[in-house]
Amino acid sequence: DNRVTGVDEDLPVVRRVVGERADLSRWSLGDLRCVPLAPR
């Protein structure tokens, strides 16, 4: 039983590949220094 979330930089080549990943329940691209991640 799992839930997989993806994060990465917002680059064109990254956006294309991430959009094809079926294992991700959700994903977010952007500045990883301030990506929204809930503690623990």
PDB file of all heavy atoms in Angstrom:
ATOM      1  N   ASP A   1       0.858  -1.181   0.000  1.00  0.00           N
ATOM      2  CA  ASP A   1       0.000   0.000   0.000  1.00  0.00           C
ATOM      3  C   ASP A   1       0.898   1.234   0.000  1.00  0.00           C
ATOM      4  O   ASP A   1       1.661   1.447   0.942  1.00  0.00           O
ATOM      5  CB  ASP A   1      -0.910  -0.015   1.232  1.00  0.00           C
ATOM      6  CG  ASP A   1      -1.873   1.159   1.253  1.00  0.00           C
ATOM      7  OD1 ASP A   1      -2.059   1.800   0.198  1.00  0.00           O
ATOM      8  OD2 ASP A   1      -2.414   1.450   2.340  1.00  0.00           O
ATOM      9  N   ASN A   2       0.834   2.037  -1.056  1.00  0.00           N
ATOM     10  CA  ASN A   2       1.785   3.129  -1.179  1.00  0.00           C
ATOM     11  C   ASN A   2       1.169   4.344  -1.865  1.00  0.00           C
ATOM     12  O   ASN A   2       0.154   4.253  -2.551  1.00  0.00           O
ATOM     13  CB  ASN A   2       3.022   2.675  -1.957  1.00  0.00           C
ATOM     14  CG  ASN A   2       2.719   2.413  -3.429  1.00  0.00           C
ATOM     15  OD1 ASN A   2       2.785   3.299  -4.268  1.00  0.00           O
ATOM     16  ND2 ASN A   2       2.359   1.167  -3.747  1.00  0.00           N
ATOM     17  N   ARG A   3       1.840   5.463  -1.651  1.00  0.00           N
ATOM     18  CA  ARG A   3       1.529   6.698  -2.382  1.00  0.00           C
ATOM     19  C   ARG A   3       2.864   7.353  -2.736  1.00  0.00           C
ATOM     20  O   ARG A   3       3.693   7.598  -1.865  1.00  0.00           O
ATOM     21  CB  ARG A   3       0.675   7.658  -1.546  1.00  0.00           C
ATOM     22  CG  ARG A   3       0.339   8.961  -2.296  1.00  0.00           C
ATOM     23  CD  ARG A   3      -0.557   9.867  -1.468  1.00  0.00           C
ATOM     24  NE  ARG A   3       0.111  10.274  -0.234  1.00  0.00           N
ATOM     25  CZ  ARG A   3      -0.502  10.945   0.749  1.00  0.00           C
ATOM     26  NH1 ARG A   3      -1.789  11.239   0.638  1.00  0.00           N
ATOM     27  NH2 ARG A   3       0.162  11.296   1.831  1.00  0.00           N
ATOM     28  N   VAL A   4       3.064   7.615  -4.029  1.00  0.00           N
ATOM     29  CA  VAL A   4       4.336   8.137  -4.513  1.00  0.00           C
ATOM     30  C   VAL A   4       4.148   9.552  -5.040  1.00  0.00           C
ATOM     31  O   VAL A   4       3.301   9.799  -5.906  1.00  0.00           O
ATOM     32  CB  VAL A   4       4.920   7.242  -5.625  1.00  0.00           C
ATOM     33  CG1 VAL A   4       6.284   7.770  -6.074  1.00  0.00           C
ATOM     34  CG2 VAL A   4       5.050   5.790  -5.145  1.00  0.00           C
ATOM     35  N   THR A   5       4.934  10.491  -4.519  1.00  0.00           N
ATOM     36  CA  THR A   5       4.912  11.887  -4.936  1.00  0.00           C
ATOM     37  C   THR A   5       6.256  12.230  -5.561  1.00  0.00           C
ATOM     38  O   THR A   5       7.299  11.811  -5.077  1.00  0.00           O
ATOM     39  CB  THR A   5       4.659  12.815  -3.732  1.00  0.00           C
ATOM     40  OG1 THR A   5       3.420  12.454  -3.118  1.00  0.00           O
ATOM     41  CG2 THR A   5       4.597  14.279  -4.172  1.00  0.00           C
ATOM     42  N   GLY A   6       6.233  12.974  -6.657  1.00  0.00           N
ATOM     43  CA  GLY A   6       7.466  13.357  -7.331  1.00  0.00           C
ATOM     44  C   GLY A   6       7.713  14.852  -7.259  1.00  0.00           C
ATOM     45  O   GLY A   6       6.774  15.651  -7.305  1.00  0.00           O
ATOM     46  N   VAL A   7       8.982  15.249  -7.126  1.00  0.00           N
ATOM     47  CA  VAL A   7       9.386  16.655  -7.195  1.00  0.00           C
ATOM     48  C   VAL A   7      10.658  16.745  -8.036  1.00  0.00           C
ATOM     49  O   VAL A   7      11.478  15.830  -8.041  1.00  0.00           O
ATOM     50  CB  VAL A   7       9.642  17.268  -5.798  1.00  0.00           C
ATOM     51  CG1 VAL A   7       8.365  17.341  -4.988  1.00  0.00           C
ATOM     52  CG2 VAL A   7      10.715  16.508  -5.041  1.00  0.00           C
ATOM     53  N   ASP A   8      10.778  17.851  -8.747  1.00  0.00           N
ATOM     54  CA  ASP A   8      11.967  18.064  -9.568  1.00  0.00           C
ATOM     55  C   ASP A   8      11.991  19.514 -10.004  1.00  0.00           C
ATOM     56  O   ASP A   8      11.044  20.271  -9.740  1.00  0.00           O
ATOM     57  CB  ASP A   8      11.981  17.137 -10.786  1.00  0.00           C
ATOM     58  CG  ASP A   8      13.393  16.787 -11.244  1.00  0.00           C
ATOM     59  OD1 ASP A   8      14.284  17.664 -11.149  1.00  0.00           O
ATOM     60  OD2 ASP A   8      13.610  15.645 -11.696  1.00  0.00           O
ATOM     61  N   GLU A   9      13.083  19.891 -10.672  1.00  0.00           N
ATOM     62  CA  GLU A   9      13.175  21.231 -11.225  1.00  0.00           C
ATOM     63  C   GLU A   9      12.236  21.364 -12.409  1.00  0.00           C
ATOM     64  O   GLU A   9      11.932  20.385 -13.102  1.00  0.00           O
ATOM     65  CB  GLU A   9      14.606  21.535 -11.653  1.00  0.00           C
ATOM     66  CG  GLU A   9      15.558  21.779 -10.513  1.00  0.00           C
ATOM     67  CD  GLU A   9      16.816  22.457 -10.984  1.00  0.00           C
ATOM     68  OE1 GLU A   9      17.505  21.901 -11.846  1.00  0.00           O
ATOM     69  OE2 GLU A   9      17.101  23.565 -10.483  1.00  0.00           O
ATOM     70  N   ASP A  10      11.808  22.588 -12.687  1.00  0.00           N
ATOM     71  CA  ASP A  10      10.887  22.827 -13.795  1.00  0.00           C
ATOM     72  C   ASP A  10      11.689  23.141 -15.056  1.00  0.00           C
ATOM     73  O   ASP A  10      11.902  24.298 -15.412  1.00  0.00           O
ATOM     74  CB  ASP A  10       9.927  23.975 -13.459  1.00  0.00           C
ATOM     75  CG  ASP A  10       8.775  24.058 -14.458  1.00  0.00           C
ATOM     76  OD1 ASP A  10       8.712  23.205 -15.355  1.00  0.00           O
ATOM     77  OD2 ASP A  10       7.950  24.976 -14.324  1.00  0.00           O
ATOM     78  N   LEU A  11      12.147  22.078 -15.722  1.00  0.00           N
ATOM     79  CA  LEU A  11      12.858  22.189 -16.985  1.00  0.00           C
ATOM     80  C   LEU A  11      12.048  21.461 -18.061  1.00  0.00           C
ATOM     81  O   LEU A  11      11.366  20.474 -17.756  1.00  0.00           O
ATOM     82  CB  LEU A  11      14.253  21.572 -16.882  1.00  0.00           C
ATOM     83  CG  LEU A  11      15.195  22.184 -15.837  1.00  0.00           C
ATOM     84  CD1 LEU A  11      16.468  21.359 -15.740  1.00  0.00           C
ATOM     85  CD2 LEU A  11      15.504  23.635 -16.174  1.00  0.00           C
ATOM     86  N   PRO A  12      12.100  21.915 -19.320  1.00  0.00           N
ATOM     87  CA  PRO A  12      11.295  21.269 -20.371  1.00  0.00           C
ATOM     88  C   PRO A  12      11.511  19.762 -20.467  1.00  0.00           C
ATOM     89  O   PRO A  12      10.546  18.997 -20.554  1.00  0.00           O
ATOM     90  CB  PRO A  12      11.760  21.989 -21.639  1.00  0.00           C
ATOM     91  CG  PRO A  12      12.199  23.330 -21.172  1.00  0.00           C
ATOM     92  CD  PRO A  12      12.816  23.104 -19.822  1.00  0.00           C
ATOM     93  N   VAL A  13      12.765  19.313 -20.446  1.00  0.00           N
ATOM     94  CA  VAL A  13      13.031  17.887 -20.575  1.00  0.00           C
ATOM     95  C   VAL A  13      12.515  17.124 -19.367  1.00  0.00           C
ATOM     96  O   VAL A  13      12.034  15.994 -19.485  1.00  0.00           O
ATOM     97  CB  VAL A  13      14.540  17.639 -20.778  1.00  0.00           C
ATOM     98  CG1 VAL A  13      15.348  18.097 -19.568  1.00  0.00           C
ATOM     99  CG2 VAL A  13      14.806  16.182 -21.093  1.00  0.00           C
ATOM    100  N   VAL A  14      12.559  17.741 -18.188  1.00  0.00           N
ATOM    101  CA  VAL A  14      12.041  17.104 -16.975  1.00  0.00           C
ATOM    102  C   VAL A  14      10.529  17.002 -17.034  1.00  0.00           C
ATOM    103  O   VAL A  14       9.945  15.957 -16.731  1.00  0.00           O
ATOM    104  CB  VAL A  14      12.486  17.880 -15.722  1.00  0.00           C
ATOM    105  CG1 VAL A  14      11.772  17.364 -14.482  1.00  0.00           C
ATOM    106  CG2 VAL A  14      14.005  17.791 -15.556  1.00  0.00           C
ATOM    107  N   ARG A  15       9.873  18.096 -17.447  1.00  0.00           N
ATOM    108  CA  ARG A  15       8.406  18.099 -17.518  1.00  0.00           C
ATOM    109  C   ARG A  15       7.894  17.018 -18.463  1.00  0.00           C
ATOM    110  O   ARG A  15       6.908  16.332 -18.175  1.00  0.00           O
ATOM    111  CB  ARG A  15       7.913  19.481 -17.964  1.00  0.00           C
ATOM    112  CG  ARG A  15       6.404  19.611 -18.026  1.00  0.00           C
ATOM    113  CD  ARG A  15       5.984  21.056 -18.243  1.00  0.00           C
ATOM    114  NE  ARG A  15       6.246  21.859 -17.060  1.00  0.00           N
ATOM    115  CZ  ARG A  15       5.425  21.914 -16.020  1.00  0.00           C
ATOM    116  NH1 ARG A  15       4.292  21.199 -16.022  1.00  0.00           N
ATOM    117  NH2 ARG A  15       5.709  22.665 -14.983  1.00  0.00           N
ATOM    118  N   ARG A  16       8.584  16.824 -19.582  1.00  0.00           N
ATOM    119  CA  ARG A  16       8.151  15.806 -20.546  1.00  0.00           C
ATOM    120  C   ARG A  16       8.233  14.413 -19.948  1.00  0.00           C
ATOM    121  O   ARG A  16       7.302  13.615 -20.078  1.00  0.00           O
ATOM    122  CB  ARG A  16       9.026  15.887 -21.798  1.00  0.00           C
ATOM    123  CG  ARG A  16       8.748  14.776 -22.816  1.00  0.00           C
ATOM    124  CD  ARG A  16       9.617  14.927 -24.052  1.00  0.00           C
ATOM    125  NE  ARG A  16      11.029  14.890 -23.734  1.00  0.00           N
ATOM    126  CZ  ARG A  16      11.710  13.761 -23.524  1.00  0.00           C
ATOM    127  NH1 ARG A  16      11.085  12.593 -23.565  1.00  0.00           N
ATOM    128  NH2 ARG A  16      12.999  13.789 -23.262  1.00  0.00           N
ATOM    129  N   VAL A  17       9.328  14.100 -19.292  1.00  0.00           N
ATOM    130  CA  VAL A  17       9.531  12.760 -18.746  1.00  0.00           C
ATOM    131  C   VAL A  17       8.600  12.490 -17.572  1.00  0.00           C
ATOM    132  O   VAL A  17       7.998  11.421 -17.471  1.00  0.00           O
ATOM    133  CB  VAL A  17      11.003  12.581 -18.319  1.00  0.00           C
ATOM    134  CG1 VAL A  17      11.196  11.259 -17.603  1.00  0.00           C
ATOM    135  CG2 VAL A  17      11.909  12.662 -19.537  1.00  0.00           C
ATOM    136  N   VAL A  18       8.459  13.470 -16.673  1.00  0.00           N
ATOM    137  CA  VAL A  18       7.626  13.286 -15.491  1.00  0.00           C
ATOM    138  C   VAL A  18       6.169  13.062 -15.880  1.00  0.00           C
ATOM    139  O   VAL A  18       5.459  12.251 -15.268  1.00  0.00           O
ATOM    140  CB  VAL A  18       7.761  14.492 -14.541  1.00  0.00           C
ATOM    141  CG1 VAL A  18       6.748  14.416 -13.413  1.00  0.00           C
ATOM    142  CG2 VAL A  18       9.174  14.558 -13.979  1.00  0.00           C
ATOM    143  N   GLY A  19       5.716  13.750 -16.903  1.00  0.00           N
ATOM    144  CA  GLY A  19       4.338  13.588 -17.340  1.00  0.00           C
ATOM    145  C   GLY A  19       4.012  12.192 -17.836  1.00  0.00           C
ATOM    146  O   GLY A  19       2.837  11.808 -17.916  1.00  0.00           O
ATOM    147  N   GLU A  20       5.052  11.400 -18.147  1.00  0.00           N
ATOM    148  CA  GLU A  20       4.851  10.047 -18.646  1.00  0.00           C
ATOM    149  C   GLU A  20       4.960   8.986 -17.557  1.00  0.00           C
ATOM    150  O   GLU A  20       4.787   7.796 -17.826  1.00  0.00           O
ATOM    151  CB  GLU A  20       5.882   9.758 -19.745  1.00  0.00           C
ATOM    152  CG  GLU A  20       5.744  10.672 -20.964  1.00  0.00           C
ATOM    153  CD  GLU A  20       6.882  10.482 -21.954  1.00  0.00           C
ATOM    154  OE1 GLU A  20       7.832   9.715 -21.635  1.00  0.00           O
ATOM    155  OE2 GLU A  20       6.829  11.086 -23.042  1.00  0.00           O
ATOM    156  N   ARG A  21       5.276   9.386 -16.329  1.00  0.00           N
ATOM    157  CA  ARG A  21       5.434   8.415 -15.238  1.00  0.00           C
ATOM    158  C   ARG A  21       4.083   8.057 -14.632  1.00  0.00           C
ATOM    159  O   ARG A  21       3.433   8.869 -13.984  1.00  0.00           O
ATOM    160  CB  ARG A  21       6.372   8.963 -14.156  1.00  0.00           C
ATOM    161  CG  ARG A  21       7.819   8.976 -14.572  1.00  0.00           C
ATOM    162  CD  ARG A  21       8.741   9.200 -13.409  1.00  0.00           C
ATOM    163  NE  ARG A  21       8.626   8.194 -12.361  1.00  0.00           N
ATOM    164  CZ  ARG A  21       9.581   7.932 -11.464  1.00  0.00           C
ATOM    165  NH1 ARG A  21      10.710   8.623 -11.494  1.00  0.00           N
ATOM    166  NH2 ARG A  21       9.415   7.019 -10.535  1.00  0.00           N
ATOM    167  N   ALA A  22       3.692   6.810 -14.820  1.00  0.00           N
ATOM    168  CA  ALA A  22       2.385   6.361 -14.340  1.00  0.00           C
ATOM    169  C   ALA A  22       2.400   6.020 -12.857  1.00  0.00           C
ATOM    170  O   ALA A  22       1.337   5.888 -12.241  1.00  0.00           O
ATOM    171  CB  ALA A  22       1.933   5.143 -15.144  1.00  0.00           C
ATOM    172  N   ASP A  23       3.598   5.877 -12.267  1.00  0.00           N
ATOM    173  CA  ASP A  23       3.672   5.456 -10.863  1.00  0.00           C
ATOM    174  C   ASP A  23       3.473   6.604  -9.895  1.00  0.00           C
ATOM    175  O   ASP A  23       3.285   6.370  -8.699  1.00  0.00           O
ATOM    176  CB  ASP A  23       5.018   4.787 -10.586  1.00  0.00           C
ATOM    177  CG  ASP A  23       6.190   5.747 -10.799  1.00  0.00           C
ATOM    178  OD1 ASP A  23       6.245   6.361 -11.879  1.00  0.00           O
ATOM    179  OD2 ASP A  23       7.039   5.864  -9.882  1.00  0.00           O
ATOM    180  N   LEU A  24       3.503   7.847 -10.384  1.00  0.00           N
ATOM    181  CA  LEU A  24       3.385   8.999  -9.492  1.00  0.00           C
ATOM    182  C   LEU A  24       1.918   9.346  -9.229  1.00  0.00           C
ATOM    183  O   LEU A  24       1.147   9.567 -10.164  1.00  0.00           O
ATOM    184  CB  LEU A  24       4.094  10.212 -10.089  1.00  0.00           C
ATOM    185  CG  LEU A  24       5.606  10.066 -10.345  1.00  0.00           C
ATOM    186  CD1 LEU A  24       6.157  11.352 -10.959  1.00  0.00           C
ATOM    187  CD2 LEU A  24       6.351   9.723  -9.060  1.00  0.00           C
ATOM    188  N   SER A  25       1.547   9.410  -7.954  1.00  0.00           N
ATOM    189  CA  SER A  25       0.192   9.842  -7.612  1.00  0.00           C
ATOM    190  C   SER A  25       0.022  11.333  -7.878  1.00  0.00           C
ATOM    191  O   SER A  25      -1.047  11.789  -8.271  1.00  0.00           O
ATOM    192  CB  SER A  25      -0.092   9.539  -6.131  1.00  0.00           C
ATOM    193  OG  SER A  25       0.036   8.165  -5.853  1.00  0.00           O
ATOM    194  N   ARG A  26       1.095  12.079  -7.665  1.00  0.00           N
ATOM    195  CA  ARG A  26       1.103  13.512  -7.924  1.00  0.00           C
ATOM    196  C   ARG A  26       2.551  13.960  -8.035  1.00  0.00           C
ATOM    197  O   ARG A  26       3.455  13.270  -7.586  1.00  0.00           O
ATOM    198  CB  ARG A  26       0.394  14.276  -6.800  1.00  0.00           C
ATOM    199  CG  ARG A  26       0.934  13.977  -5.412  1.00  0.00           C
ATOM    200  CD  ARG A  26       0.115  14.628  -4.326  1.00  0.00           C
ATOM    201  NE  ARG A  26       0.631  14.275  -3.004  1.00  0.00           N
ATOM    202  CZ  ARG A  26       0.126  14.718  -1.874  1.00  0.00           C
ATOM    203  NH1 ARG A  26      -0.904  15.546  -1.894  1.00  0.00           N
ATOM    204  NH2 ARG A  26       0.647  14.353  -0.708  1.00  0.00           N
ATOM    205  N   TRP A  27       2.760  15.111  -8.652  1.00  0.00           N
ATOM    206  CA  TRP A  27       4.116  15.621  -8.774  1.00  0.00           C
ATOM    207  C   TRP A  27       4.096  17.133  -8.846  1.00  0.00           C
ATOM    208  O   TRP A  27       3.084  17.753  -9.183  1.00  0.00           O
ATOM    209  CB  TRP A  27       4.828  15.032  -9.993  1.00  0.00           C
ATOM    210  CG  TRP A  27       4.052  15.015 -11.278  1.00  0.00           C
ATOM    211  CD1 TRP A  27       3.208  14.046 -11.716  1.00  0.00           C
ATOM    212  CD2 TRP A  27       4.057  16.017 -12.296  1.00  0.00           C
ATOM    213  NE1 TRP A  27       2.676  14.369 -12.933  1.00  0.00           N
ATOM    214  CE2 TRP A  27       3.189  15.579 -13.322  1.00  0.00           C
ATOM    215  CE3 TRP A  27       4.711  17.240 -12.447  1.00  0.00           C
ATOM    216  CZ2 TRP A  27       2.957  16.316 -14.470  1.00  0.00           C
ATOM    217  CZ3 TRP A  27       4.475  17.978 -13.604  1.00  0.00           C
ATOM    218  CH2 TRP A  27       3.617  17.511 -14.588  1.00  0.00           C
ATOM    219  N   SER A  28       5.249  17.718  -8.486  1.00  0.00           N
ATOM    220  CA  SER A  28       5.380  19.170  -8.452  1.00  0.00           C
ATOM    221  C   SER A  28       6.757  19.545  -8.982  1.00  0.00           C
ATOM    222  O   SER A  28       7.765  18.947  -8.597  1.00  0.00           O
ATOM    223  CB  SER A  28       5.208  19.678  -7.016  1.00  0.00           C
ATOM    224  OG  SER A  28       5.455  21.074  -6.926  1.00  0.00           O
ATOM    225  N   LEU A  29       6.803  20.534  -9.871  1.00  0.00           N
ATOM    226  CA  LEU A  29       8.053  21.011 -10.440  1.00  0.00           C
ATOM    227  C   LEU A  29       8.247  22.476 -10.075  1.00  0.00           C
ATOM    228  O   LEU A  29       7.295  23.253 -10.061  1.00  0.00           O
ATOM    229  CB  LEU A  29       8.049  20.854 -11.969  1.00  0.00           C
ATOM    230  CG  LEU A  29       7.820  19.448 -12.522  1.00  0.00           C
ATOM    231  CD1 LEU A  29       7.879  19.461 -14.045  1.00  0.00           C
ATOM    232  CD2 LEU A  29       8.828  18.460 -11.964  1.00  0.00           C
ATOM    233  N   GLY A  30       9.488  22.848  -9.781  1.00  0.00           N
ATOM    234  CA  GLY A  30       9.757  24.243  -9.436  1.00  0.00           C
ATOM    235  C   GLY A  30      11.059  24.380  -8.682  1.00  0.00           C
ATOM    236  O   GLY A  30      11.925  23.498  -8.729  1.00  0.00           O
ATOM    237  N   ASP A  31      11.196  25.481  -7.956  1.00  0.00           N
ATOM    238  CA  ASP A  31      12.372  25.752  -7.155  1.00  0.00           C
ATOM    239  C   ASP A  31      12.369  24.819  -5.945  1.00  0.00           C
ATOM    240  O   ASP A  31      11.518  24.932  -5.063  1.00  0.00           O
ATOM    241  CB  ASP A  31      12.371  27.212  -6.699  1.00  0.00           C
ATOM    242  CG  ASP A  31      13.661  27.620  -6.003  1.00  0.00           C
ATOM    243  OD1 ASP A  31      14.407  26.728  -5.551  1.00  0.00           O
ATOM    244  OD2 ASP A  31      13.919  28.835  -5.905  1.00  0.00           O
ATOM    245  N   LEU A  32      13.324  23.895  -5.896  1.00  0.00           N
ATOM    246  CA  LEU A  32      13.320  22.883  -4.851  1.00  0.00           C
ATOM    247  C   LEU A  32      13.689  23.431  -3.480  1.00  0.00           C
ATOM    248  O   LEU A  32      13.538  22.742  -2.471  1.00  0.00           O
ATOM    249  CB  LEU A  32      14.273  21.747  -5.234  1.00  0.00           C
ATOM    250  CG  LEU A  32      13.873  20.984  -6.498  1.00  0.00           C
ATOM    251  CD1 LEU A  32      14.882  19.885  -6.797  1.00  0.00           C
ATOM    252  CD2 LEU A  32      12.475  20.393  -6.371  1.00  0.00           C
ATOM    253  N   ARG A  33      14.166  24.672  -3.431  1.00  0.00           N
ATOM    254  CA  ARG A  33      14.467  25.270  -2.129  1.00  0.00           C
ATOM    255  C   ARG A  33      13.193  25.661  -1.383  1.00  0.00           C
ATOM    256  O   ARG A  33      13.217  25.859  -0.169  1.00  0.00           O
ATOM    257  CB  ARG A  33      15.350  26.505  -2.305  1.00  0.00           C
ATOM    258  CG  ARG A  33      16.760  26.194  -2.784  1.00  0.00           C
ATOM    259  CD  ARG A  33      17.525  27.458  -3.095  1.00  0.00           C
ATOM    260  NE  ARG A  33      16.918  28.204  -4.190  1.00  0.00           N
ATOM    261  CZ  ARG A  33      17.339  29.393  -4.610  1.00  0.00           C
ATOM    262  NH1 ARG A  33      18.363  29.982  -4.008  1.00  0.00           N
ATOM    263  NH2 ARG A  33      16.745  29.997  -5.626  1.00  0.00           N
ATOM    264  N   CYS A  34      12.102  25.763  -2.097  1.00  0.00           N
ATOM    265  CA  CYS A  34      10.848  26.167  -1.445  1.00  0.00           C
ATOM    266  C   CYS A  34       9.667  25.302  -1.895  1.00  0.00           C
ATOM    267  O   CYS A  34       8.519  25.739  -1.806  1.00  0.00           O
ATOM    268  CB  CYS A  34      10.563  27.649  -1.709  1.00  0.00           C
ATOM    269  SG  CYS A  34      10.554  28.124  -3.449  1.00  0.00           S
ATOM    270  N   VAL A  35       9.941  24.107  -2.400  1.00  0.00           N
ATOM    271  CA  VAL A  35       8.857  23.222  -2.811  1.00  0.00           C
ATOM    272  C   VAL A  35       7.987  22.891  -1.603  1.00  0.00           C
ATOM    273  O   VAL A  35       8.498  22.655  -0.501  1.00  0.00           O
ATOM    274  CB  VAL A  35       9.427  21.941  -3.454  1.00  0.00           C
ATOM    275  CG1 VAL A  35      10.256  21.147  -2.454  1.00  0.00           C
ATOM    276  CG2 VAL A  35       8.317  21.080  -4.032  1.00  0.00           C
ATOM    277  N   PRO A  36       6.663  22.911  -1.736  1.00  0.00           N
ATOM    278  CA  PRO A  36       5.784  22.640  -0.587  1.00  0.00           C
ATOM    279  C   PRO A  36       5.823  21.173  -0.174  1.00  0.00           C
ATOM    280  O   PRO A  36       5.361  20.296  -0.888  1.00  0.00           O
ATOM    281  CB  PRO A  36       4.396  23.035  -1.112  1.00  0.00           C
ATOM    282  CG  PRO A  36       4.498  22.902  -2.603  1.00  0.00           C
ATOM    283  CD  PRO A  36       5.906  23.255  -2.959  1.00  0.00           C
ATOM    284  N   LEU A  37       6.398  20.911   1.001  1.00  0.00           N
ATOM    285  CA  LEU A  37       6.478  19.560   1.539  1.00  0.00           C
ATOM    286  C   LEU A  37       6.073  19.597   3.008  1.00  0.00           C
ATOM    287  O   LEU A  37       6.648  20.338   3.798  1.00  0.00           O
ATOM    288  CB  LEU A  37       7.905  19.010   1.416  1.00  0.00           C
ATOM    289  CG  LEU A  37       8.467  18.805   0.003  1.00  0.00           C
ATOM    290  CD1 LEU A  37       9.944  18.459   0.076  1.00  0.00           C
ATOM    291  CD2 LEU A  37       7.693  17.719  -0.728  1.00  0.00           C
ATOM    292  N   ALA A  38       5.091  18.789   3.359  1.00  0.00           N
ATOM    293  CA  ALA A  38       4.644  18.747   4.752  1.00  0.00           C
ATOM    294  C   ALA A  38       5.713  18.090   5.623  1.00  0.00           C
ATOM    295  O   ALA A  38       6.290  17.065   5.233  1.00  0.00           O
ATOM    296  CB  ALA A  38       3.337  17.969   4.856  1.00  0.00           C
ATOM    297  N   PRO A  39       6.013  18.657   6.798  1.00  0.00           N
ATOM    298  CA  PRO A  39       7.014  18.055   7.681  1.00  0.00           C
ATOM    299  C   PRO A  39       6.620  16.638   8.088  1.00  0.00           C
ATOM    300  O   PRO A  39       5.454  16.343   8.341  1.00  0.00           O
ATOM    301  CB  PRO A  39       7.027  18.999   8.890  1.00  0.00           C
ATOM    302  CG  PRO A  39       6.484  20.299   8.374  1.00  0.00           C
ATOM    303  CD  PRO A  39       5.478  19.915   7.335  1.00  0.00           C
ATOM    304  N   ARG A  40       7.601  15.751   8.130  1.00  0.00           N
ATOM    305  CA  ARG A  40       7.415  14.369   8.576  1.00  0.00           C
ATOM    306  C   ARG A  40       6.233  13.701   7.884  1.00  0.00           C
ATOM    307  O   ARG A  40       5.369  13.098   8.527  1.00  0.00           O
ATOM    308  CB  ARG A  40       7.237  14.324  10.093  1.00  0.00           C
ATOM    309  CG  ARG A  40       8.433  14.882  10.858  1.00  0.00           C
ATOM    310  CD  ARG A  40       8.328  14.627  12.345  1.00  0.00           C
ATOM    311  NE  ARG A  40       9.525  15.093  13.053  1.00  0.00           N
ATOM    312  CZ  ARG A  40       9.823  14.781  14.302  1.00  0.00           C
ATOM    313  NH1 ARG A  40       8.993  14.012  14.996  1.00  0.00           N
ATOM    314  NH2 ARG A  40      10.920  15.236  14.871  1.00  0.00           N
TER     315      ARG A  40
END
